Amino acid sequence: GKERELVAVFTSTGSINYADSVKDRFTISRVNIKNT
């Protein structure tokens, strides 16, 4: 019943954006060489 919302992303400029509701609880990470 809700719209799709951003949770956490690596942006095109290299920064990380978190939704306020998850910022203190979720962590995004990546391995670029594995596209993961």
PDB file of all heavy atoms in Angstrom:
ATOM      1  N   GLY A   1       0.773  -1.221   0.000  1.00  0.00           N
ATOM      2  CA  GLY A   1       0.000   0.000   0.000  1.00  0.00           C
ATOM      3  C   GLY A   1       0.811   1.280   0.000  1.00  0.00           C
ATOM      4  O   GLY A   1       0.228   2.367   0.116  1.00  0.00           O
ATOM      5  N   LYS A   2       2.126   1.178  -0.119  1.00  0.00           N
ATOM      6  CA  LYS A   2       2.992   2.351  -0.078  1.00  0.00           C
ATOM      7  C   LYS A   2       3.755   2.516  -1.391  1.00  0.00           C
ATOM      8  O   LYS A   2       3.889   1.583  -2.178  1.00  0.00           O
ATOM      9  CB  LYS A   2       3.994   2.244   1.075  1.00  0.00           C
ATOM     10  CG  LYS A   2       3.369   2.071   2.446  1.00  0.00           C
ATOM     11  CD  LYS A   2       2.578   3.303   2.850  1.00  0.00           C
ATOM     12  CE  LYS A   2       2.027   3.150   4.262  1.00  0.00           C
ATOM     13  NZ  LYS A   2       1.238   4.342   4.665  1.00  0.00           N
ATOM     14  N   GLU A   3       4.260   3.718  -1.607  1.00  0.00           N
ATOM     15  CA  GLU A   3       5.098   3.987  -2.765  1.00  0.00           C
ATOM     16  C   GLU A   3       6.505   3.466  -2.528  1.00  0.00           C
ATOM     17  O   GLU A   3       6.962   3.349  -1.389  1.00  0.00           O
ATOM     18  CB  GLU A   3       5.140   5.486  -3.056  1.00  0.00           C
ATOM     19  CG  GLU A   3       3.796   6.097  -3.407  1.00  0.00           C
ATOM     20  CD  GLU A   3       3.235   5.554  -4.697  1.00  0.00           C
ATOM     21  OE1 GLU A   3       4.010   5.405  -5.676  1.00  0.00           O
ATOM     22  OE2 GLU A   3       2.033   5.265  -4.749  1.00  0.00           O
ATOM     23  N   ARG A   4       7.191   3.164  -3.609  1.00  0.00           N
ATOM     24  CA  ARG A   4       8.577   2.749  -3.504  1.00  0.00           C
ATOM     25  C   ARG A   4       9.428   3.919  -2.996  1.00  0.00           C
ATOM     26  O   ARG A   4       9.267   5.053  -3.447  1.00  0.00           O
ATOM     27  CB  ARG A   4       9.096   2.262  -4.857  1.00  0.00           C
ATOM     28  CG  ARG A   4      10.476   1.631  -4.798  1.00  0.00           C
ATOM     29  CD  ARG A   4      10.858   0.987  -6.132  1.00  0.00           C
ATOM     30  NE  ARG A   4       9.940  -0.084  -6.494  1.00  0.00           N
ATOM     31  CZ  ARG A   4      10.103  -0.900  -7.530  1.00  0.00           C
ATOM     32  NH1 ARG A   4      11.174  -0.770  -8.313  1.00  0.00           N
ATOM     33  NH2 ARG A   4       9.207  -1.841  -7.788  1.00  0.00           N
ATOM     34  N   GLU A   5      10.323   3.636  -2.063  1.00  0.00           N
ATOM     35  CA  GLU A   5      11.142   4.676  -1.467  1.00  0.00           C
ATOM     36  C   GLU A   5      12.613   4.290  -1.455  1.00  0.00           C
ATOM     37  O   GLU A   5      12.971   3.116  -1.413  1.00  0.00           O
ATOM     38  CB  GLU A   5      10.685   4.969  -0.029  1.00  0.00           C
ATOM     39  CG  GLU A   5      10.863   3.806   0.928  1.00  0.00           C
ATOM     40  CD  GLU A   5      10.520   4.155   2.360  1.00  0.00           C
ATOM     41  OE1 GLU A   5      10.362   5.358   2.668  1.00  0.00           O
ATOM     42  OE2 GLU A   5      10.404   3.224   3.188  1.00  0.00           O
ATOM     43  N   LEU A   6      13.446   5.306  -1.474  1.00  0.00           N
ATOM     44  CA  LEU A   6      14.882   5.103  -1.370  1.00  0.00           C
ATOM     45  C   LEU A   6      15.242   4.628   0.034  1.00  0.00           C
ATOM     46  O   LEU A   6      14.724   5.137   1.023  1.00  0.00           O
ATOM     47  CB  LEU A   6      15.618   6.406  -1.693  1.00  0.00           C
ATOM     48  CG  LEU A   6      17.142   6.389  -1.695  1.00  0.00           C
ATOM     49  CD1 LEU A   6      17.673   7.404  -2.698  1.00  0.00           C
ATOM     50  CD2 LEU A   6      17.707   6.708  -0.307  1.00  0.00           C
ATOM     51  N   VAL A   7      16.131   3.648   0.109  1.00  0.00           N
ATOM     52  CA  VAL A   7      16.642   3.162   1.384  1.00  0.00           C
ATOM     53  C   VAL A   7      18.086   3.631   1.580  1.00  0.00           C
ATOM     54  O   VAL A   7      18.403   4.316   2.553  1.00  0.00           O
ATOM     55  CB  VAL A   7      16.568   1.633   1.485  1.00  0.00           C
ATOM     56  CG1 VAL A   7      17.155   1.156   2.813  1.00  0.00           C
ATOM     57  CG2 VAL A   7      15.127   1.154   1.343  1.00  0.00           C
ATOM     58  N   ALA A   8      18.953   3.242   0.672  1.00  0.00           N
ATOM     59  CA  ALA A   8      20.359   3.623   0.739  1.00  0.00           C
ATOM     60  C   ALA A   8      20.985   3.437  -0.633  1.00  0.00           C
ATOM     61  O   ALA A   8      20.774   2.409  -1.270  1.00  0.00           O
ATOM     62  CB  ALA A   8      21.109   2.780   1.772  1.00  0.00           C
ATOM     63  N   VAL A   9      21.745   4.426  -1.086  1.00  0.00           N
ATOM     64  CA  VAL A   9      22.368   4.334  -2.403  1.00  0.00           C
ATOM     65  C   VAL A   9      23.752   4.954  -2.398  1.00  0.00           C
ATOM     66  O   VAL A   9      24.037   5.893  -1.649  1.00  0.00           O
ATOM     67  CB  VAL A   9      21.534   5.027  -3.502  1.00  0.00           C
ATOM     68  CG1 VAL A   9      20.191   4.339  -3.680  1.00  0.00           C
ATOM     69  CG2 VAL A   9      21.347   6.502  -3.200  1.00  0.00           C
ATOM     70  N   PHE A  10      24.627   4.402  -3.236  1.00  0.00           N
ATOM     71  CA  PHE A  10      25.830   5.093  -3.671  1.00  0.00           C
ATOM     72  C   PHE A  10      25.436   5.928  -4.876  1.00  0.00           C
ATOM     73  O   PHE A  10      24.983   5.397  -5.890  1.00  0.00           O
ATOM     74  CB  PHE A  10      26.924   4.103  -4.051  1.00  0.00           C
ATOM     75  CG  PHE A  10      27.556   3.396  -2.896  1.00  0.00           C
ATOM     76  CD1 PHE A  10      27.140   2.133  -2.522  1.00  0.00           C
ATOM     77  CD2 PHE A  10      28.586   3.997  -2.188  1.00  0.00           C
ATOM     78  CE1 PHE A  10      27.723   1.476  -1.460  1.00  0.00           C
ATOM     79  CE2 PHE A  10      29.180   3.349  -1.118  1.00  0.00           C
ATOM     80  CZ  PHE A  10      28.748   2.091  -0.755  1.00  0.00           C
ATOM     81  N   THR A  11      25.619   7.236  -4.790  1.00  0.00           N
ATOM     82  CA  THR A  11      25.216   8.122  -5.865  1.00  0.00           C
ATOM     83  C   THR A  11      26.268   8.156  -6.963  1.00  0.00           C
ATOM     84  O   THR A  11      27.376   7.648  -6.820  1.00  0.00           O
ATOM     85  CB  THR A  11      24.973   9.543  -5.354  1.00  0.00           C
ATOM     86  OG1 THR A  11      26.238  10.152  -5.038  1.00  0.00           O
ATOM     87  CG2 THR A  11      24.098   9.540  -4.113  1.00  0.00           C
ATOM     88  N   SER A  12      25.912   8.805  -8.073  1.00  0.00           N
ATOM     89  CA  SER A  12      26.830   8.932  -9.197  1.00  0.00           C
ATOM     90  C   SER A  12      28.058   9.768  -8.864  1.00  0.00           C
ATOM     91  O   SER A  12      29.081   9.649  -9.540  1.00  0.00           O
ATOM     92  CB  SER A  12      26.107   9.548 -10.398  1.00  0.00           C
ATOM     93  OG  SER A  12      25.052   8.715 -10.836  1.00  0.00           O
ATOM     94  N   THR A  13      27.965  10.606  -7.835  1.00  0.00           N
ATOM     95  CA  THR A  13      29.089  11.435  -7.429  1.00  0.00           C
ATOM     96  C   THR A  13      29.939  10.795  -6.339  1.00  0.00           C
ATOM     97  O   THR A  13      30.898  11.396  -5.857  1.00  0.00           O
ATOM     98  CB  THR A  13      28.608  12.810  -6.941  1.00  0.00           C
ATOM     99  OG1 THR A  13      27.703  12.642  -5.848  1.00  0.00           O
ATOM    100  CG2 THR A  13      27.898  13.552  -8.066  1.00  0.00           C
ATOM    101  N   GLY A  14      29.581   9.582  -5.927  1.00  0.00           N
ATOM    102  CA  GLY A  14      30.380   8.858  -4.960  1.00  0.00           C
ATOM    103  C   GLY A  14      29.953   8.998  -3.517  1.00  0.00           C
ATOM    104  O   GLY A  14      30.578   8.402  -2.631  1.00  0.00           O
ATOM    105  N   SER A  15      28.916   9.763  -3.250  1.00  0.00           N
ATOM    106  CA  SER A  15      28.421   9.910  -1.890  1.00  0.00           C
ATOM    107  C   SER A  15      27.404   8.817  -1.571  1.00  0.00           C
ATOM    108  O   SER A  15      26.955   8.089  -2.454  1.00  0.00           O
ATOM    109  CB  SER A  15      27.800  11.286  -1.683  1.00  0.00           C
ATOM    110  OG  SER A  15      26.665  11.454  -2.515  1.00  0.00           O
ATOM    111  N   ILE A  16      27.036   8.709  -0.306  1.00  0.00           N
ATOM    112  CA  ILE A  16      26.047   7.743   0.151  1.00  0.00           C
ATOM    113  C   ILE A  16      24.858   8.487   0.721  1.00  0.00           C
ATOM    114  O   ILE A  16      25.012   9.392   1.544  1.00  0.00           O
ATOM    115  CB  ILE A  16      26.628   6.805   1.223  1.00  0.00           C
ATOM    116  CG1 ILE A  16      27.819   6.020   0.668  1.00  0.00           C
ATOM    117  CG2 ILE A  16      25.551   5.853   1.730  1.00  0.00           C
ATOM    118  CD1 ILE A  16      28.531   5.173   1.700  1.00  0.00           C
ATOM    119  N   ASN A  17      23.669   8.116   0.278  1.00  0.00           N
ATOM    120  CA  ASN A  17      22.434   8.677   0.806  1.00  0.00           C
ATOM    121  C   ASN A  17      21.637   7.594   1.515  1.00  0.00           C
ATOM    122  O   ASN A  17      21.423   6.515   0.964  1.00  0.00           O
ATOM    123  CB  ASN A  17      21.582   9.281  -0.313  1.00  0.00           C
ATOM    124  CG  ASN A  17      22.167  10.558  -0.876  1.00  0.00           C
ATOM    125  OD1 ASN A  17      23.012  11.194  -0.253  1.00  0.00           O
ATOM    126  ND2 ASN A  17      21.709  10.944  -2.060  1.00  0.00           N
ATOM    127  N   TYR A  18      21.186   7.897   2.734  1.00  0.00           N
ATOM    128  CA  TYR A  18      20.308   7.020   3.496  1.00  0.00           C
ATOM    129  C   TYR A  18      18.970   7.699   3.740  1.00  0.00           C
ATOM    130  O   TYR A  18      18.903   8.915   3.947  1.00  0.00           O
ATOM    131  CB  TYR A  18      20.896   6.684   4.863  1.00  0.00           C
ATOM    132  CG  TYR A  18      22.107   5.788   4.867  1.00  0.00           C
ATOM    133  CD1 TYR A  18      23.385   6.310   4.979  1.00  0.00           C
ATOM    134  CD2 TYR A  18      21.967   4.403   4.791  1.00  0.00           C
ATOM    135  CE1 TYR A  18      24.495   5.487   5.009  1.00  0.00           C
ATOM    136  CE2 TYR A  18      23.074   3.574   4.816  1.00  0.00           C
ATOM    137  CZ  TYR A  18      24.343   4.120   4.924  1.00  0.00           C
ATOM    138  OH  TYR A  18      25.444   3.294   4.953  1.00  0.00           O
ATOM    139  N   ALA A  19      17.907   6.896   3.757  1.00  0.00           N
ATOM    140  CA  ALA A  19      16.640   7.400   4.261  1.00  0.00           C
ATOM    141  C   ALA A  19      16.777   7.688   5.747  1.00  0.00           C
ATOM    142  O   ALA A  19      17.476   6.967   6.473  1.00  0.00           O
ATOM    143  CB  ALA A  19      15.530   6.380   4.024  1.00  0.00           C
ATOM    144  N   ASP A  20      16.120   8.750   6.221  1.00  0.00           N
ATOM    145  CA  ASP A  20      16.208   9.103   7.634  1.00  0.00           C
ATOM    146  C   ASP A  20      15.769   7.958   8.543  1.00  0.00           C
ATOM    147  O   ASP A  20      16.316   7.783   9.640  1.00  0.00           O
ATOM    148  CB  ASP A  20      15.356  10.341   7.926  1.00  0.00           C
ATOM    149  CG  ASP A  20      15.945  11.614   7.359  1.00  0.00           C
ATOM    150  OD1 ASP A  20      17.153  11.628   7.038  1.00  0.00           O
ATOM    151  OD2 ASP A  20      15.201  12.604   7.237  1.00  0.00           O
ATOM    152  N   SER A  21      14.807   7.175   8.100  1.00  0.00           N
ATOM    153  CA  SER A  21      14.263   6.110   8.917  1.00  0.00           C
ATOM    154  C   SER A  21      15.222   4.941   9.134  1.00  0.00           C
ATOM    155  O   SER A  21      15.001   4.117  10.024  1.00  0.00           O
ATOM    156  CB  SER A  21      12.960   5.589   8.305  1.00  0.00           C
ATOM    157  OG  SER A  21      13.185   5.088   7.005  1.00  0.00           O
ATOM    158  N   VAL A  22      16.289   4.861   8.341  1.00  0.00           N
ATOM    159  CA  VAL A  22      17.216   3.731   8.442  1.00  0.00           C
ATOM    160  C   VAL A  22      18.647   4.148   8.713  1.00  0.00           C
ATOM    161  O   VAL A  22      19.508   3.284   8.928  1.00  0.00           O
ATOM    162  CB  VAL A  22      17.175   2.860   7.173  1.00  0.00           C
ATOM    163  CG1 VAL A  22      15.751   2.473   6.817  1.00  0.00           C
ATOM    164  CG2 VAL A  22      17.854   3.560   5.997  1.00  0.00           C
ATOM    165  N   LYS A  23      18.939   5.426   8.747  1.00  0.00           N
ATOM    166  CA  LYS A  23      20.315   5.923   8.765  1.00  0.00           C
ATOM    167  C   LYS A  23      21.148   5.369   9.921  1.00  0.00           C
ATOM    168  O   LYS A  23      22.335   5.085   9.762  1.00  0.00           O
ATOM    169  CB  LYS A  23      20.319   7.454   8.806  1.00  0.00           C
ATOM    170  CG  LYS A  23      21.704   8.067   8.677  1.00  0.00           C
ATOM    171  CD  LYS A  23      21.636   9.578   8.628  1.00  0.00           C
ATOM    172  CE  LYS A  23      23.018  10.195   8.486  1.00  0.00           C
ATOM    173  NZ  LYS A  23      23.643   9.821   7.190  1.00  0.00           N
ATOM    174  N   ASP A  24      20.561   5.214  11.087  1.00  0.00           N
ATOM    175  CA  ASP A  24      21.290   4.753  12.267  1.00  0.00           C
ATOM    176  C   ASP A  24      21.286   3.239  12.423  1.00  0.00           C
ATOM    177  O   ASP A  24      21.893   2.711  13.358  1.00  0.00           O
ATOM    178  CB  ASP A  24      20.701   5.382  13.536  1.00  0.00           C
ATOM    179  CG  ASP A  24      20.862   6.888  13.564  1.00  0.00           C
ATOM    180  OD1 ASP A  24      21.859   7.400  13.029  1.00  0.00           O
ATOM    181  OD2 ASP A  24      19.975   7.558  14.139  1.00  0.00           O
ATOM    182  N   ARG A  25      20.633   2.534  11.501  1.00  0.00           N
ATOM    183  CA  ARG A  25      20.477   1.094  11.643  1.00  0.00           C
ATOM    184  C   ARG A  25      21.007   0.295  10.460  1.00  0.00           C
ATOM    185  O   ARG A  25      21.398  -0.867  10.637  1.00  0.00           O
ATOM    186  CB  ARG A  25      18.995   0.744  11.844  1.00  0.00           C
ATOM    187  CG  ARG A  25      18.384   1.385  13.089  1.00  0.00           C
ATOM    188  CD  ARG A  25      16.922   0.972  13.259  1.00  0.00           C
ATOM    189  NE  ARG A  25      16.078   1.489  12.189  1.00  0.00           N
ATOM    190  CZ  ARG A  25      15.377   0.728  11.349  1.00  0.00           C
ATOM    191  NH1 ARG A  25      15.401  -0.596  11.459  1.00  0.00           N
ATOM    192  NH2 ARG A  25      14.624   1.290  10.409  1.00  0.00           N
ATOM    193  N   PHE A  26      20.999   0.884   9.266  1.00  0.00           N
ATOM    194  CA  PHE A  26      21.406   0.180   8.052  1.00  0.00           C
ATOM    195  C   PHE A  26      22.738   0.716   7.559  1.00  0.00           C
ATOM    196  O   PHE A  26      23.047   1.902   7.720  1.00  0.00           O
ATOM    197  CB  PHE A  26      20.377   0.357   6.935  1.00  0.00           C
ATOM    198  CG  PHE A  26      19.039  -0.298   7.170  1.00  0.00           C
ATOM    199  CD1 PHE A  26      18.706  -0.878   8.372  1.00  0.00           C
ATOM    200  CD2 PHE A  26      18.106  -0.315   6.139  1.00  0.00           C
ATOM    201  CE1 PHE A  26      17.474  -1.468   8.573  1.00  0.00           C
ATOM    202  CE2 PHE A  26      16.870  -0.905   6.323  1.00  0.00           C
ATOM    203  CZ  PHE A  26      16.549  -1.482   7.541  1.00  0.00           C
ATOM    204  N   THR A  27      23.516  -0.154   6.919  1.00  0.00           N
ATOM    205  CA  THR A  27      24.780   0.238   6.323  1.00  0.00           C
ATOM    206  C   THR A  27      24.894  -0.352   4.926  1.00  0.00           C
ATOM    207  O   THR A  27      24.743  -1.562   4.754  1.00  0.00           O
ATOM    208  CB  THR A  27      25.974  -0.224   7.169  1.00  0.00           C
ATOM    209  OG1 THR A  27      25.872   0.301   8.495  1.00  0.00           O
ATOM    210  CG2 THR A  27      27.284   0.257   6.546  1.00  0.00           C
ATOM    211  N   ILE A  28      25.162   0.509   3.951  1.00  0.00           N
ATOM    212  CA  ILE A  28      25.372   0.041   2.590  1.00  0.00           C
ATOM    213  C   ILE A  28      26.873  -0.057   2.320  1.00  0.00           C
ATOM    214  O   ILE A  28      27.654   0.781   2.773  1.00  0.00           O
ATOM    215  CB  ILE A  28      24.684   0.961   1.564  1.00  0.00           C
ATOM    216  CG1 ILE A  28      24.745   0.350   0.160  1.00  0.00           C
ATOM    217  CG2 ILE A  28      25.270   2.364   1.586  1.00  0.00           C
ATOM    218  CD1 ILE A  28      23.909   1.095  -0.869  1.00  0.00           C
ATOM    219  N   SER A  29      27.278  -1.081   1.598  1.00  0.00           N
ATOM    220  CA  SER A  29      28.669  -1.254   1.219  1.00  0.00           C
ATOM    221  C   SER A  29      28.720  -1.840  -0.185  1.00  0.00           C
ATOM    222  O   SER A  29      27.706  -2.300  -0.715  1.00  0.00           O
ATOM    223  CB  SER A  29      29.418  -2.138   2.217  1.00  0.00           C
ATOM    224  OG  SER A  29      28.841  -3.428   2.281  1.00  0.00           O
ATOM    225  N   ARG A  30      29.901  -1.840  -0.777  1.00  0.00           N
ATOM    226  CA  ARG A  30      30.015  -2.365  -2.130  1.00  0.00           C
ATOM    227  C   ARG A  30      31.402  -2.903  -2.420  1.00  0.00           C
ATOM    228  O   ARG A  30      32.386  -2.528  -1.771  1.00  0.00           O
ATOM    229  CB  ARG A  30      29.658  -1.295  -3.163  1.00  0.00           C
ATOM    230  CG  ARG A  30      30.626  -0.111  -3.219  1.00  0.00           C
ATOM    231  CD  ARG A  30      30.170   0.882  -4.265  1.00  0.00           C
ATOM    232  NE  ARG A  30      30.962   2.108  -4.236  1.00  0.00           N
ATOM    233  CZ  ARG A  30      30.721   3.175  -4.971  1.00  0.00           C
ATOM    234  NH1 ARG A  30      29.683   3.184  -5.807  1.00  0.00           N
ATOM    235  NH2 ARG A  30      31.492   4.240  -4.883  1.00  0.00           N
ATOM    236  N   VAL A  31      31.458  -3.802  -3.387  1.00  0.00           N
ATOM    237  CA  VAL A  31      32.704  -4.290  -3.953  1.00  0.00           C
ATOM    238  C   VAL A  31      32.626  -3.979  -5.435  1.00  0.00           C
ATOM    239  O   VAL A  31      32.000  -4.709  -6.204  1.00  0.00           O
ATOM    240  CB  VAL A  31      32.904  -5.787  -3.710  1.00  0.00           C
ATOM    241  CG1 VAL A  31      34.232  -6.238  -4.306  1.00  0.00           C
ATOM    242  CG2 VAL A  31      32.847  -6.093  -2.226  1.00  0.00           C
ATOM    243  N   ASN A  32      33.260  -2.902  -5.854  1.00  0.00           N
ATOM    244  CA  ASN A  32      33.109  -2.408  -7.218  1.00  0.00           C
ATOM    245  C   ASN A  32      33.570  -3.414  -8.264  1.00  0.00           C
ATOM    246  O   ASN A  32      32.943  -3.552  -9.315  1.00  0.00           O
ATOM    247  CB  ASN A  32      33.864  -1.096  -7.400  1.00  0.00           C
ATOM    248  CG  ASN A  32      33.206   0.063  -6.711  1.00  0.00           C
ATOM    249  OD1 ASN A  32      32.027   0.014  -6.364  1.00  0.00           O
ATOM    250  ND2 ASN A  32      33.958   1.144  -6.526  1.00  0.00           N
ATOM    251  N   ILE A  33      34.670  -4.103  -7.986  1.00  0.00           N
ATOM    252  CA  ILE A  33      35.223  -5.019  -8.964  1.00  0.00           C
ATOM    253  C   ILE A  33      34.286  -6.197  -9.228  1.00  0.00           C
ATOM    254  O   ILE A  33      34.367  -6.836 -10.277  1.00  0.00           O
ATOM    255  CB  ILE A  33      36.618  -5.509  -8.520  1.00  0.00           C
ATOM    256  CG1 ILE A  33      37.373  -6.122  -9.696  1.00  0.00           C
ATOM    257  CG2 ILE A  33      36.503  -6.493  -7.372  1.00  0.00           C
ATOM    258  CD1 ILE A  33      38.823  -6.426  -9.387  1.00  0.00           C
ATOM    259  N   LYS A  34      33.390  -6.457  -8.302  1.00  0.00           N
ATOM    260  CA  LYS A  34      32.418  -7.541  -8.454  1.00  0.00           C
ATOM    261  C   LYS A  34      31.025  -7.027  -8.811  1.00  0.00           C
ATOM    262  O   LYS A  34      30.090  -7.822  -8.926  1.00  0.00           O
ATOM    263  CB  LYS A  34      32.343  -8.364  -7.167  1.00  0.00           C
ATOM    264  CG  LYS A  34      33.652  -9.041  -6.807  1.00  0.00           C
ATOM    265  CD  LYS A  34      33.567  -9.761  -5.469  1.00  0.00           C
ATOM    266  CE  LYS A  34      32.628 -10.939  -5.523  1.00  0.00           C
ATOM    267  NZ  LYS A  34      32.624 -11.713  -4.251  1.00  0.00           N
ATOM    268  N   ASN A  35      30.886  -5.708  -8.983  1.00  0.00           N
ATOM    269  CA  ASN A  35      29.585  -5.092  -9.270  1.00  0.00           C
ATOM    270  C   ASN A  35      28.524  -5.554  -8.277  1.00  0.00           C
ATOM    271  O   ASN A  35      27.421  -5.952  -8.660  1.00  0.00           O
ATOM    272  CB  ASN A  35      29.156  -5.402 -10.705  1.00  0.00           C
ATOM    273  CG  ASN A  35      30.049  -4.750 -11.736  1.00  0.00           C
ATOM    274  OD1 ASN A  35      30.559  -3.648 -11.522  1.00  0.00           O
ATOM    275  ND2 ASN A  35      30.234  -5.409 -12.867  1.00  0.00           N
ATOM    276  N   THR A  36      28.870  -5.488  -7.012  1.00  0.00           N
ATOM    277  CA  THR A  36      28.024  -6.005  -5.956  1.00  0.00           C
ATOM    278  C   THR A  36      27.840  -4.963  -4.859  1.00  0.00           C
ATOM    279  O   THR A  36      28.788  -4.261  -4.494  1.00  0.00           O
ATOM    280  CB  THR A  36      28.627  -7.280  -5.345  1.00  0.00           C
ATOM    281  OG1 THR A  36      28.760  -8.277  -6.368  1.00  0.00           O
ATOM    282  CG2 THR A  36      27.746  -7.826  -4.237  1.00  0.00           C
TER     283      THR A  36
END
